[in-house]
Each structure stands twice: as structure tokens, then as C-alpha cells.
C-alpha atoms as a PDB file:
ATOM      1  CA  UNK A   1      -5.680  32.544  24.990  1.00  0.00           C
ATOM      2  CA  UNK A   2      -7.973  34.044  22.398  1.00  0.00           C
ATOM      3  CA  UNK A   3      -7.227  33.679  18.712  1.00  0.00           C
ATOM      4  CA  UNK A   4      -5.610  36.873  17.519  1.00  0.00           C
ATOM      5  CA  UNK A   5      -4.163  38.232  14.300  1.00  0.00           C
ATOM      6  CA  UNK A   6      -0.878  40.109  14.395  1.00  0.00           C
ATOM      7  CA  UNK A   7      -1.713  42.652  11.688  1.00  0.00           C
ATOM      8  CA  UNK A   8      -4.034  41.193   9.057  1.00  0.00           C
ATOM      9  CA  UNK A   9      -7.829  40.593   9.080  1.00  0.00           C
ATOM     10  CA  UNK A  10      -9.098  37.306  10.420  1.00  0.00           C
ATOM     11  CA  UNK A  11      -9.651  34.893   7.501  1.00  0.00           C
ATOM     12  CA  UNK A  12     -12.465  32.438   6.938  1.00  0.00           C
ATOM     13  CA  UNK A  13     -11.420  28.979   8.092  1.00  0.00           C
ATOM     14  CA  UNK A  14     -12.481  25.602   6.730  1.00  0.00           C
ATOM     15  CA  UNK A  15     -14.753  23.451   8.940  1.00  0.00           C
ATOM     16  CA  UNK A  16     -11.786  21.232   9.868  1.00  0.00           C
ATOM     17  CA  UNK A  17      -9.713  24.212  11.009  1.00  0.00           C
ATOM     18  CA  UNK A  18     -12.665  25.722  12.900  1.00  0.00           C
ATOM     19  CA  UNK A  19     -13.182  22.391  14.660  1.00  0.00           C
ATOM     20  CA  UNK A  20      -9.519  22.330  15.720  1.00  0.00           C
ATOM     21  CA  UNK A  21      -9.712  25.928  16.999  1.00  0.00           C
ATOM     22  CA  UNK A  22     -12.810  25.172  19.079  1.00  0.00           C
ATOM     23  CA  UNK A  23     -11.313  22.002  20.516  1.00  0.00           C
ATOM     24  CA  UNK A  24      -8.126  23.808  21.465  1.00  0.00           C
ATOM     25  CA  UNK A  25      -9.872  26.787  23.035  1.00  0.00           C
ATOM     26  CA  UNK A  26     -12.591  24.862  24.893  1.00  0.00           C
ATOM     27  CA  UNK A  27     -10.507  22.019  26.313  1.00  0.00           C
ATOM     28  CA  UNK A  28      -8.253  22.680  29.303  1.00  0.00           C
ATOM     29  CA  UNK A  29      -4.791  21.083  29.215  1.00  0.00           C
ATOM     30  CA  UNK A  30      -4.998  17.366  29.952  1.00  0.00           C
ATOM     31  CA  UNK A  31      -2.341  17.618  32.630  1.00  0.00           C
ATOM     32  CA  UNK A  32      -0.695  20.434  34.592  1.00  0.00           C
ATOM     33  CA  UNK A  33       2.743  21.647  33.617  1.00  0.00           C
ATOM     34  CA  UNK A  34       5.400  19.304  34.979  1.00  0.00           C
ATOM     35  CA  UNK A  35       8.174  20.469  37.290  1.00  0.00           C
ATOM     36  CA  UNK A  36      10.812  21.605  34.814  1.00  0.00           C
ATOM     37  CA  UNK A  37      14.574  21.216  35.181  1.00  0.00           C
ATOM     38  CA  UNK A  38      15.615  23.463  32.287  1.00  0.00           C
ATOM     39  CA  UNK A  39      17.025  26.839  33.302  1.00  0.00           C
ATOM     40  CA  UNK A  40      17.039  28.574  29.892  1.00  0.00           C
ATOM     41  CA  UNK A  41      13.963  29.523  27.874  1.00  0.00           C
ATOM     42  CA  UNK A  42      13.186  28.632  24.271  1.00  0.00           C
ATOM     43  CA  UNK A  43      10.132  28.414  22.043  1.00  0.00           C
ATOM     44  CA  UNK A  44       9.014  26.574  18.934  1.00  0.00           C
ATOM     45  CA  UNK A  45       6.249  27.504  16.526  1.00  0.00           C
ATOM     46  CA  UNK A  46       3.747  24.752  15.727  1.00  0.00           C
ATOM     47  CA  UNK A  47       2.731  25.995  12.260  1.00  0.00           C
ATOM     48  CA  UNK A  48      -0.667  24.726  11.135  1.00  0.00           C
ATOM     49  CA  UNK A  49      -1.378  25.427   7.474  1.00  0.00           C
ATOM     50  CA  UNK A  50      -5.085  26.131   7.067  1.00  0.00           C
ATOM     51  CA  UNK A  51      -5.827  23.858   4.131  1.00  0.00           C
ATOM     52  CA  UNK A  52      -9.335  22.340   3.830  1.00  0.00           C
ATOM     53  CA  UNK A  53      -7.676  19.424   5.636  1.00  0.00           C
ATOM     54  CA  UNK A  54      -5.145  21.245   7.832  1.00  0.00           C
ATOM     55  CA  UNK A  55      -1.511  20.154   8.058  1.00  0.00           C
ATOM     56  CA  UNK A  56       1.420  20.556  10.415  1.00  0.00           C
ATOM     57  CA  UNK A  57       4.507  22.138   8.881  1.00  0.00           C
ATOM     58  CA  UNK A  58       7.693  20.406  10.034  1.00  0.00           C
ATOM     59  CA  UNK A  59      11.358  20.797   9.224  1.00  0.00           C
ATOM     60  CA  UNK A  60      14.236  18.358   8.986  1.00  0.00           C
ATOM     61  CA  UNK A  61      17.316  19.973  10.442  1.00  0.00           C
ATOM     62  CA  UNK A  62      20.447  20.286   8.328  1.00  0.00           C
ATOM     63  CA  UNK A  63      22.911  17.412   8.707  1.00  0.00           C
ATOM     64  CA  UNK A  64      25.847  19.702   9.486  1.00  0.00           C
ATOM     65  CA  UNK A  65      24.274  21.321  12.556  1.00  0.00           C
ATOM     66  CA  UNK A  66      26.092  20.702  15.836  1.00  0.00           C
ATOM     67  CA  UNK A  67      22.902  20.014  17.826  1.00  0.00           C
ATOM     68  CA  UNK A  68      20.252  17.516  16.719  1.00  0.00           C
ATOM     69  CA  UNK A  69      21.491  17.181  13.101  1.00  0.00           C
ATOM     70  CA  UNK A  70      19.042  15.612  10.664  1.00  0.00           C
ATOM     71  CA  UNK A  71      16.204  15.458  13.184  1.00  0.00           C
ATOM     72  CA  UNK A  72      12.587  16.386  12.467  1.00  0.00           C
ATOM     73  CA  UNK A  73      11.675  19.544  14.360  1.00  0.00           C
ATOM     74  CA  UNK A  74       9.486  22.603  14.574  1.00  0.00           C
ATOM     75  CA  UNK A  75      11.115  25.961  13.818  1.00  0.00           C
ATOM     76  CA  UNK A  76      12.328  27.496  17.033  1.00  0.00           C
ATOM     77  CA  UNK A  77      15.208  28.305  19.316  1.00  0.00           C
ATOM     78  CA  UNK A  78      16.467  30.098  22.390  1.00  0.00           C
ATOM     79  CA  UNK A  79      14.897  33.288  23.668  1.00  0.00           C
ATOM     80  CA  UNK A  80      16.813  36.532  23.137  1.00  0.00           C
ATOM     81  CA  UNK A  81      16.880  39.369  25.647  1.00  0.00           C
ATOM     82  CA  UNK A  82      15.340  41.576  22.936  1.00  0.00           C
ATOM     83  CA  UNK A  83      12.271  39.318  22.466  1.00  0.00           C
ATOM     84  CA  UNK A  84       9.129  40.953  23.845  1.00  0.00           C
ATOM     85  CA  UNK A  85       7.687  37.575  24.895  1.00  0.00           C
ATOM     86  CA  UNK A  86       8.132  33.848  24.434  1.00  0.00           C
ATOM     87  CA  UNK A  87       5.616  34.082  21.558  1.00  0.00           C
ATOM     88  CA  UNK A  88       7.870  36.687  19.941  1.00  0.00           C
ATOM     89  CA  UNK A  89      10.735  34.192  20.260  1.00  0.00           C
ATOM     90  CA  UNK A  90       8.795  31.545  18.321  1.00  0.00           C
ATOM     91  CA  UNK A  91       7.793  34.032  15.601  1.00  0.00           C
ATOM     92  CA  UNK A  92      11.334  35.383  15.235  1.00  0.00           C
ATOM     93  CA  UNK A  93      12.863  31.922  14.987  1.00  0.00           C
ATOM     94  CA  UNK A  94      10.255  30.766  12.444  1.00  0.00           C
ATOM     95  CA  UNK A  95      11.058  33.812  10.328  1.00  0.00           C
ATOM     96  CA  UNK A  96      14.799  33.177  10.557  1.00  0.00           C
ATOM     97  CA  UNK A  97      14.560  29.457   9.759  1.00  0.00           C
ATOM     98  CA  UNK A  98      11.674  29.271   7.271  1.00  0.00           C
ATOM     99  CA  UNK A  99      10.986  32.955   6.393  1.00  0.00           C
ATOM    100  CA  UNK A 100       7.429  32.767   7.766  1.00  0.00           C
ATOM    101  CA  UNK A 101       6.268  36.411   7.979  1.00  0.00           C
ATOM    102  CA  UNK A 102       5.268  37.070  11.618  1.00  0.00           C
ATOM    103  CA  UNK A 103       2.330  39.235  10.491  1.00  0.00           C
ATOM    104  CA  UNK A 104       0.822  36.225   8.676  1.00  0.00           C
ATOM    105  CA  UNK A 105       0.755  34.038  11.794  1.00  0.00           C
ATOM    106  CA  UNK A 106      -2.490  33.845  13.795  1.00  0.00           C
ATOM    107  CA  UNK A 107      -1.382  32.922  17.290  1.00  0.00           C
ATOM    108  CA  UNK A 108      -3.892  30.526  18.788  1.00  0.00           C
ATOM    109  CA  UNK A 109      -2.165  29.948  22.106  1.00  0.00           C
ATOM    110  CA  UNK A 110       0.587  28.024  23.843  1.00  0.00           C
ATOM    111  CA  UNK A 111       1.088  24.628  25.416  1.00  0.00           C
ATOM    112  CA  UNK A 112       2.793  23.986  28.739  1.00  0.00           C
ATOM    113  CA  UNK A 113       6.594  24.173  28.461  1.00  0.00           C
ATOM    114  CA  UNK A 114       8.579  20.965  28.183  1.00  0.00           C
ATOM    115  CA  UNK A 115      12.167  20.161  29.075  1.00  0.00           C
ATOM    116  CA  UNK A 116      14.560  19.510  26.215  1.00  0.00           C
ATOM    117  CA  UNK A 117      17.620  17.280  26.375  1.00  0.00           C
ATOM    118  CA  UNK A 118      19.795  20.370  25.921  1.00  0.00           C
ATOM    119  CA  UNK A 119      18.620  22.030  29.139  1.00  0.00           C
ATOM    120  CA  UNK A 120      15.915  24.389  27.849  1.00  0.00           C
ATOM    121  CA  UNK A 121      12.322  24.965  28.913  1.00  0.00           C
ATOM    122  CA  UNK A 122      10.637  24.904  25.506  1.00  0.00           C
ATOM    123  CA  UNK A 123       7.246  26.587  25.068  1.00  0.00           C
ATOM    124  CA  UNK A 124       5.236  25.403  22.025  1.00  0.00           C
ATOM    125  CA  UNK A 125       3.310  28.233  20.329  1.00  0.00           C
ATOM    126  CA  UNK A 126       0.418  27.234  18.043  1.00  0.00           C
ATOM    127  CA  UNK A 127       0.172  29.428  14.965  1.00  0.00           C
ATOM    128  CA  UNK A 128      -2.277  29.259  12.056  1.00  0.00           C
ATOM    129  CA  UNK A 129      -0.855  30.014   8.600  1.00  0.00           C
ATOM    130  CA  UNK A 130      -2.648  30.827   5.325  1.00  0.00           C
ATOM    131  CA  UNK A 131      -2.294  28.326   2.501  1.00  0.00           C
ATOM    132  CA  UNK A 132      -0.270  30.763   0.385  1.00  0.00           C
ATOM    133  CA  UNK A 133       2.243  31.722   3.075  1.00  0.00           C
ATOM    134  CA  UNK A 134       5.728  32.057   1.515  1.00  0.00           C
ATOM    135  CA  UNK A 135       8.240  29.507   2.789  1.00  0.00           C
ATOM    136  CA  UNK A 136      11.986  29.749   2.170  1.00  0.00           C
ATOM    137  CA  UNK A 137      14.060  27.468   4.413  1.00  0.00           C
ATOM    138  CA  UNK A 138      17.469  28.734   5.505  1.00  0.00           C
ATOM    139  CA  UNK A 139      19.865  26.339   3.797  1.00  0.00           C
ATOM    140  CA  UNK A 140      22.383  26.326   6.636  1.00  0.00           C
ATOM    141  CA  UNK A 141      19.709  25.276   9.167  1.00  0.00           C
ATOM    142  CA  UNK A 142      16.941  23.398   7.323  1.00  0.00           C
ATOM    143  CA  UNK A 143      17.471  20.460   4.981  1.00  0.00           C
ATOM    144  CA  UNK A 144      13.799  19.887   4.158  1.00  0.00           C
ATOM    145  CA  UNK A 145      10.246  21.079   4.788  1.00  0.00           C
ATOM    146  CA  UNK A 146       7.266  18.740   4.792  1.00  0.00           C
ATOM    147  CA  UNK A 147       3.623  18.730   5.840  1.00  0.00           C
ATOM    148  CA  UNK A 148       1.824  16.142   7.933  1.00  0.00           C
ATOM    149  CA  UNK A 149      -1.998  16.004   7.916  1.00  0.00           C
ATOM    150  CA  UNK A 150      -3.362  17.036  11.298  1.00  0.00           C
ATOM    151  CA  UNK A 151      -5.666  14.025  11.444  1.00  0.00           C
ATOM    152  CA  UNK A 152      -2.644  11.716  11.141  1.00  0.00           C
ATOM    153  CA  UNK A 153      -0.522  13.721  13.551  1.00  0.00           C
ATOM    154  CA  UNK A 154      -3.291  13.486  16.163  1.00  0.00           C
ATOM    155  CA  UNK A 155      -3.634   9.685  15.921  1.00  0.00           C
ATOM    156  CA  UNK A 156      -2.313   8.763  19.375  1.00  0.00           C
ATOM    157  CA  UNK A 157      -1.782   5.134  18.371  1.00  0.00           C
ATOM    158  CA  UNK A 158       1.144   6.154  16.149  1.00  0.00           C
ATOM    159  CA  UNK A 159       3.352   7.213  19.114  1.00  0.00           C
ATOM    160  CA  UNK A 160       5.432   4.533  20.807  1.00  0.00           C
ATOM    161  CA  UNK A 161       6.958   5.207  24.248  1.00  0.00           C
ATOM    162  CA  UNK A 162      10.613   4.566  24.988  1.00  0.00           C
ATOM    163  CA  UNK A 163      11.952   4.899  28.544  1.00  0.00           C
ATOM    164  CA  UNK A 164      15.502   6.204  28.899  1.00  0.00           C
ATOM    165  CA  UNK A 165      17.595   6.525  32.066  1.00  0.00           C
ATOM    166  CA  UNK A 166      20.336   9.144  31.881  1.00  0.00           C
ATOM    167  CA  UNK A 167      22.416  10.489  34.765  1.00  0.00           C
ATOM    168  CA  UNK A 168      20.019   8.951  37.251  1.00  0.00           C
ATOM    169  CA  UNK A 169      16.977  10.662  35.709  1.00  0.00           C
ATOM    170  CA  UNK A 170      14.131   8.847  33.979  1.00  0.00           C
ATOM    171  CA  UNK A 171      12.947  10.200  30.632  1.00  0.00           C
ATOM    172  CA  UNK A 172      10.082   8.952  28.496  1.00  0.00           C
ATOM    173  CA  UNK A 173      10.323   9.846  24.822  1.00  0.00           C
ATOM    174  CA  UNK A 174       7.979   8.989  21.965  1.00  0.00           C
ATOM    175  CA  UNK A 175       8.782   7.594  18.534  1.00  0.00           C
ATOM    176  CA  UNK A 176       6.721   7.811  15.353  1.00  0.00           C
ATOM    177  CA  UNK A 177       7.019   7.647  11.579  1.00  0.00           C
ATOM    178  CA  UNK A 178       5.358   9.652   8.852  1.00  0.00           C
ATOM    179  CA  UNK A 179       6.133   8.412   5.355  1.00  0.00           C
ATOM    180  CA  UNK A 180       9.960   8.393   5.254  1.00  0.00           C
ATOM    181  CA  UNK A 181      10.310  10.797   8.198  1.00  0.00           C
ATOM    182  CA  UNK A 182      11.275   9.625  11.690  1.00  0.00           C
ATOM    183  CA  UNK A 183       9.573  11.845  14.274  1.00  0.00           C
ATOM    184  CA  UNK A 184      10.714  11.413  17.849  1.00  0.00           C
ATOM    185  CA  UNK A 185      11.892  13.072  21.045  1.00  0.00           C
ATOM    186  CA  UNK A 186      10.671  16.553  21.916  1.00  0.00           C
ATOM    187  CA  UNK A 187       8.905  17.054  18.568  1.00  0.00           C
ATOM    188  CA  UNK A 188       6.865  13.866  18.911  1.00  0.00           C
ATOM    189  CA  UNK A 189       6.153  14.715  22.554  1.00  0.00           C
ATOM    190  CA  UNK A 190       4.821  18.163  21.633  1.00  0.00           C
ATOM    191  CA  UNK A 191       2.566  16.800  18.875  1.00  0.00           C
ATOM    192  CA  UNK A 192       1.252  14.150  21.243  1.00  0.00           C
ATOM    193  CA  UNK A 193       0.672  16.804  23.964  1.00  0.00           C
ATOM    194  CA  UNK A 194      -1.419  18.874  21.534  1.00  0.00           C
ATOM    195  CA  UNK A 195      -3.281  15.778  20.296  1.00  0.00           C
ATOM    196  CA  UNK A 196      -4.237  14.835  23.850  1.00  0.00           C
ATOM    197  CA  UNK A 197      -5.542  18.335  24.548  1.00  0.00           C
ATOM    198  CA  UNK A 198      -7.855  18.458  21.521  1.00  0.00           C
ATOM    199  CA  UNK A 199      -9.011  14.846  21.448  1.00  0.00           C
ATOM    200  CA  UNK A 200     -12.752  14.285  21.850  1.00  0.00           C
END
């Protein structure tokens, strides 16, 4: 998918961001999409803030949420019938959770969907954000926002596999730490999937 702006002119990117864009666009996915078991569709936005050294924007979910409380995540959620596309789902959810204006997101492309433990097929959508993008987390959904340098996120040695057997099905999840944040499960798997695609 070609880099595209929603409404605003294409900005000038730092060399590190340009390198990431080229790697993403020129490298095919490292593996084909797996056979998915999820029957419902969802999307998450992978927000990359275009600093001179780019960062991933991550959330820590509010502790009172019924599903995945306190976990590190990307903004996202289930697709609505009114969403024009799965990319629109990711942009809508990011606006609802973190107030990211959809018109300030440069959609770079998508990764292959992954199954979540809650029965969804989750499509990761990579979006580039300007440094001055306004961020206002929804207090009832997001406990904290933090940034992780892309170069650290893409260090494959930081992800540790854990094999889980549940209801006769084998799952492999990945565990990682960044500062005081515990990154694991689907979020760690998505970051690792992107890292594998853009690695040299």
C-alpha cells in the first residue's frame, strides 16, 4: 500500500523515518497470513510518531476495564457496521481512545491480521503521526500513554516466546519489557511481526 495522507500535505520526514518507510514498502511480509480462527473483525492503529528518532505510541489500558485491564496495547477495537474499511476502524478507535485526529494520520499500510484471545481477527494499521499531534487519553479507557523508540521496539532479542495450550489449541505468545512496562501477548506479537518485516 502506498503512503497516503488523509487530508493534509505530505510532510518532510527525518532520515530514520524515511528509512523505516522504505523498508516497510519494499519488503514483502516475512510470512503469509496464518489461518485465522477469529470470526469478528477488529483493528488497531500502530502510531509511529515521526521524531528524528521515531517512536511507537502505546497505551496502558485502564485497570477497571472488563477485558485486558492494565495491559499495554495499541489503540483499537471492534469494527462497526458504519466503518468504511478496517483502516477506518483503526482511525476511529484511535480518535475515541487517544483523540488522535484521523486527518493527521498518514496511513502507511497494514500487516496481516492476527487472532486475539477474545475471538477477533485483528488487523494492525501502521500510521505516521506528526510530532505535535494532540493526544488526550480517554480516562475511562486509558490509564497511561508512553513512547517506545522504534530502534528498541525492533530489537528481536527482547521478545521471549511462551507456549500456551488452551482448550486443545497451541498458542505462542511473546513477552518483553520496556522500562517499567510489561509488553506481551497480541501487542508484543504485532510489534515483533512489524520488526521482522522491516529488518535488514
